[in-house]
Amino acid sequence: MRVKSVLDNKGSTVATIAPTATVAELVAALAEHKIGALVVTTDGTDVAGIVSERDVARALHAHGAALLEQRVADIMTTPVRTCGPTDEIRELAKVMTDGRFRHLPVVANGALAGIVTIGDIVKSRIDELETEQHQLVDYISSTR
């Protein structure tokens, strides 16, 4: 299965935030959207960084409550690993596991086109396994 298939099912909407936004605004956006990360962009097209709950937790430990007044650019992760619509989901599972991150922006033709999460990866793999199981059961049933 390819990234495009995942995006076709879940949609290509990506929650983003400007690098000039405050960490307080970031935390509010994460809570509002009920997600774990936002793509950082100035124009909705170019990926400047990514910022997750983990980034906030680490920075909070380092800076205390004053962190809420800092800019997202101060704590975002750069450079950002991205993928494309034709990338294989199985390969991304390894990339995300090895890199210890759970969110992967999708870039197509130089522009932000979606985001794939580890949850999307797990769901697609479960769907593949269920399809294989049904095909095997149908095959076995038809040979009797």
Protein backbone atom coordinates (compact mmCIF):
# COMPACT_ATOMS: atom_id res chain seq x y z
CA MET A 1 0.00 0.00 0.00
CA ARG A 2 1.20 3.49 -0.81
CA VAL A 3 0.87 6.81 1.02
CA LYS A 4 -1.59 8.03 -1.61
CA SER A 5 -4.03 5.27 -0.63
CA VAL A 6 -3.85 6.28 3.02
CA LEU A 7 -4.47 9.93 2.13
CA ASP A 8 -7.35 8.95 -0.16
CA ASN A 9 -9.00 7.27 2.85
CA LYS A 10 -8.23 9.75 5.61
CA GLY A 11 -7.99 13.00 3.65
CA SER A 12 -5.15 15.40 3.06
CA THR A 13 -5.99 18.06 5.61
CA VAL A 14 -2.96 19.00 7.72
CA ALA A 15 -3.08 21.06 10.89
CA THR A 16 -0.33 23.67 10.71
CA ILE A 17 1.10 26.50 12.75
CA ALA A 18 3.35 29.45 11.97
CA PRO A 19 6.88 29.48 13.37
CA THR A 20 6.10 32.88 14.94
CA ALA A 21 3.19 31.50 16.99
CA THR A 22 3.75 31.12 20.72
CA VAL A 23 4.05 27.77 22.42
CA ALA A 24 0.84 28.65 24.29
CA GLU A 25 -0.92 28.94 20.91
CA LEU A 26 0.67 25.65 19.88
CA VAL A 27 -0.62 23.85 22.97
CA ALA A 28 -4.10 25.29 22.36
CA ALA A 29 -4.05 24.11 18.73
CA LEU A 30 -2.92 20.61 19.70
CA ALA A 31 -5.77 20.39 22.21
CA GLU A 32 -8.32 21.89 19.81
CA HIS A 33 -7.51 19.45 17.02
CA LYS A 34 -6.91 16.53 19.42
CA ILE A 35 -3.64 15.65 17.71
CA GLY A 36 -0.03 15.09 18.72
CA ALA A 37 1.87 17.29 16.25
CA LEU A 38 1.57 20.26 13.92
CA VAL A 39 3.50 20.98 10.77
CA VAL A 40 5.26 24.34 10.99
CA THR A 41 4.87 26.45 7.86
CA THR A 42 4.73 30.11 6.91
CA ASP A 43 2.63 29.65 3.80
CA GLY A 44 0.84 26.29 4.09
CA THR A 45 3.06 24.85 1.37
CA ASP A 46 6.68 24.77 2.52
CA VAL A 47 7.51 22.60 5.55
CA ALA A 48 9.71 24.65 7.90
CA GLY A 49 9.56 22.18 10.78
CA ILE A 50 7.34 19.94 12.85
CA VAL A 51 6.45 20.33 16.50
CA SER A 52 5.00 17.62 18.73
CA GLU A 53 3.86 17.09 22.27
CA ARG A 54 7.27 15.56 22.93
CA ASP A 55 8.97 18.77 21.83
CA VAL A 56 6.78 20.72 24.23
CA ALA A 57 7.47 18.34 27.12
CA ARG A 58 11.24 18.46 26.59
CA ALA A 59 11.28 22.24 26.27
CA LEU A 60 9.05 22.62 29.34
CA HIS A 61 11.55 20.61 31.33
CA ALA A 62 14.37 22.87 30.11
CA HIS A 63 12.64 26.26 30.30
CA GLY A 64 9.77 25.95 32.75
CA ALA A 65 6.55 27.96 32.46
CA ALA A 66 8.32 30.74 30.53
CA LEU A 67 8.25 28.34 27.58
CA LEU A 68 4.63 29.29 26.87
CA GLU A 69 5.76 32.73 25.71
CA GLN A 70 8.49 31.42 23.40
CA ARG A 71 8.00 30.98 19.67
CA VAL A 72 7.29 27.65 18.00
CA ALA A 73 10.46 28.16 15.92
CA ASP A 74 12.46 27.84 19.15
CA ILE A 75 11.32 24.29 19.85
CA MET A 76 10.33 22.81 16.47
CA THR A 77 12.20 19.88 14.98
CA THR A 78 14.26 20.58 11.88
CA PRO A 79 15.13 19.28 9.40
CA VAL A 80 11.89 17.38 8.87
CA ARG A 81 11.82 13.93 7.36
CA THR A 82 9.05 13.82 4.74
CA CYS A 83 7.62 11.26 2.37
CA GLY A 84 5.85 11.31 -0.97
CA PRO A 85 2.52 9.93 -2.19
CA THR A 86 4.19 6.99 -3.96
CA ASP A 87 6.19 5.82 -0.93
CA GLU A 88 5.34 2.38 0.44
CA ILE A 89 3.67 2.27 3.85
CA ARG A 90 5.75 -0.73 4.94
CA GLU A 91 8.97 1.22 4.33
CA LEU A 92 7.65 4.20 6.29
CA ALA A 93 6.88 1.97 9.26
CA LYS A 94 10.58 1.15 9.50
CA VAL A 95 11.64 4.78 8.96
CA MET A 96 9.30 5.99 11.70
CA THR A 97 10.26 3.23 14.11
CA ASP A 98 13.99 3.69 13.56
CA GLY A 99 13.70 7.49 13.76
CA ARG A 100 11.45 7.32 16.84
CA PHE A 101 8.84 9.72 15.49
CA ARG A 102 5.13 9.32 14.89
CA HIS A 103 4.27 11.96 12.29
CA LEU A 104 5.52 12.22 8.72
CA PRO A 105 4.48 15.11 6.46
CA VAL A 106 3.69 14.19 2.87
CA VAL A 107 5.16 16.45 0.21
CA ALA A 108 4.08 16.29 -3.43
CA ASN A 109 5.53 18.53 -6.13
CA GLY A 110 7.31 20.57 -3.48
CA ALA A 111 4.15 21.33 -1.48
CA LEU A 112 2.66 19.96 1.74
CA ALA A 113 0.05 17.42 0.65
CA GLY A 114 -0.90 15.56 3.84
CA ILE A 115 0.48 13.84 6.90
CA VAL A 116 0.86 10.18 7.80
CA THR A 117 0.93 9.04 11.42
CA ILE A 118 2.07 5.83 13.03
CA GLY A 119 -1.63 5.16 13.67
CA ASP A 120 -2.28 5.36 9.93
CA ILE A 121 0.56 2.92 9.34
CA VAL A 122 -0.79 0.44 11.89
CA LYS A 123 -4.33 0.73 10.51
CA SER A 124 -3.19 0.14 6.94
CA ARG A 125 -1.17 -2.91 8.00
CA ILE A 126 -4.14 -4.35 9.92
CA ASP A 127 -6.35 -3.77 6.86
CA GLU A 128 -3.79 -5.57 4.67
CA LEU A 129 -3.62 -8.53 7.06
CA GLU A 130 -7.42 -8.79 7.27
CA THR A 131 -7.67 -8.73 3.47
CA GLU A 132 -5.05 -11.46 3.20
CA GLN A 133 -6.86 -13.53 5.82
CA HIS A 134 -10.19 -13.23 3.99
CA GLN A 135 -8.53 -14.17 0.69
CA LEU A 136 -6.92 -17.23 2.27
CA VAL A 137 -10.18 -18.33 3.88
CA ASP A 138 -12.01 -17.86 0.57
CA TYR A 139 -9.29 -19.82 -1.26
CA ILE A 140 -9.37 -22.67 1.25
CA SER A 141 -13.17 -22.75 1.16
CA SER A 142 -13.22 -22.88 -2.64
CA THR A 143 -10.80 -25.82 -2.83
CA ARG A 144 -12.93 -28.16 -0.69
